[in-house]
Protein backbone atom coordinates (compact mmCIF):
# COMPACT_ATOMS: atom_id res chain seq x y z
CA MET A 1 0.00 0.00 0.00
CA THR A 2 1.30 3.44 -0.82
CA VAL A 3 0.85 6.47 1.39
CA GLU A 4 -1.62 7.82 -1.17
CA ASP A 5 -3.67 4.59 -0.97
CA TYR A 6 -3.53 4.80 2.81
CA ILE A 7 -4.76 8.40 2.87
CA GLU A 8 -7.65 7.57 0.55
CA ASP A 9 -8.75 4.45 2.49
CA LEU A 10 -10.84 5.58 5.45
CA LYS A 11 -11.31 2.04 6.77
CA THR A 12 -7.57 1.35 6.84
CA ARG A 13 -6.76 4.77 8.34
CA SER A 14 -9.36 4.20 11.04
CA ALA A 15 -8.02 0.73 11.84
CA VAL A 16 -4.41 1.93 11.96
CA GLU A 17 -5.29 4.89 14.16
CA ARG A 18 -7.20 2.63 16.56
CA GLN A 19 -4.31 0.19 16.84
CA MET A 20 -1.91 3.09 17.36
CA GLN A 21 -4.15 4.29 20.19
CA ILE A 22 -3.87 0.87 21.84
CA ILE A 23 -0.08 0.79 21.43
CA THR A 24 0.36 4.30 22.76
CA GLU A 25 -1.92 3.60 25.72
CA ALA A 26 0.29 0.64 26.59
CA ALA A 27 3.30 2.98 26.40
CA ILE A 28 1.57 5.37 28.80
CA ARG A 29 0.83 2.55 31.24
CA LEU A 30 4.46 1.39 31.17
CA GLY A 31 5.47 4.82 32.43
CA ASP A 32 9.12 5.14 33.38
CA GLU A 33 9.61 1.39 32.98
CA ALA A 34 9.35 1.76 29.20
CA GLU A 35 12.81 3.29 28.88
CA THR A 36 14.28 0.64 31.17
CA LEU A 37 12.65 -2.26 29.30
CA CYS A 38 13.20 -0.86 25.80
CA PRO A 39 15.84 1.86 25.88
CA GLY A 40 16.48 4.25 23.05
CA LEU A 41 12.95 4.53 21.68
CA ASP A 42 10.99 7.77 21.45
CA TRP A 43 8.65 7.06 24.34
CA PRO A 44 7.48 10.68 24.76
CA GLY A 45 6.73 10.79 21.03
CA ASN A 46 4.79 7.52 21.21
CA ARG A 47 2.71 8.79 24.09
CA GLY A 48 2.17 12.12 22.38
CA MET A 49 0.88 10.48 19.23
CA GLY A 50 -1.71 8.66 21.29
CA ASN A 51 -2.90 11.91 22.81
CA ALA A 52 -3.16 13.46 19.35
CA LEU A 53 -5.13 10.50 18.01
CA ARG A 54 -7.50 10.55 20.97
CA HIS A 55 -7.98 14.28 21.45
CA GLU A 56 -6.93 16.02 18.23
CA TYR A 57 -8.48 13.56 15.81
CA HIS A 58 -9.81 16.43 13.69
CA SER A 59 -6.27 17.43 12.74
CA VAL A 60 -4.39 14.11 12.52
CA ASN A 61 -1.60 14.29 9.97
CA ASP A 62 -1.94 11.11 7.90
CA GLN A 63 1.63 11.38 6.63
CA ILE A 64 2.98 11.38 10.20
CA VAL A 65 0.90 8.33 11.10
CA TRP A 66 2.09 6.57 7.92
CA ASP A 67 5.73 7.40 8.65
CA THR A 68 5.38 6.21 12.23
CA VAL A 69 3.91 2.89 11.15
CA LYS A 70 6.53 2.35 8.46
CA LEU A 71 9.61 3.65 10.31
CA GLU A 72 9.00 3.54 14.08
CA LEU A 73 6.78 0.51 14.65
CA PRO A 74 9.33 -2.00 13.35
CA LEU A 75 11.85 -0.60 15.85
CA LEU A 76 9.29 -0.73 18.66
CA ARG A 77 8.34 -4.29 17.77
CA ALA A 78 11.96 -5.45 17.71
CA ALA A 79 12.63 -3.81 21.09
CA VAL A 80 9.53 -5.36 22.67
CA VAL A 81 10.32 -8.82 21.30
CA LYS A 82 13.84 -8.51 22.71
CA ALA A 83 12.54 -7.35 26.10
CA LEU A 84 10.11 -10.26 26.29
CA ALA A 85 12.80 -12.85 25.43
């Protein structure tokens, strides 16, 4: 899927935003432990995105969400898998 396809697909955007809300809520609940368990990730940025998705939904930047999913989520996933091992 291209970013243009993503932006035009309301169902996919809605699903991605919902899953990002869940991920960012988990980051909020981890609190200070997040940096200890998975150092080097942008935890404040992750939490901030969740706040934007929940409270500033009228001005969500689809390009930023796309970039986060494509660039940041693989790093987050790898760090979480490593922490759980």
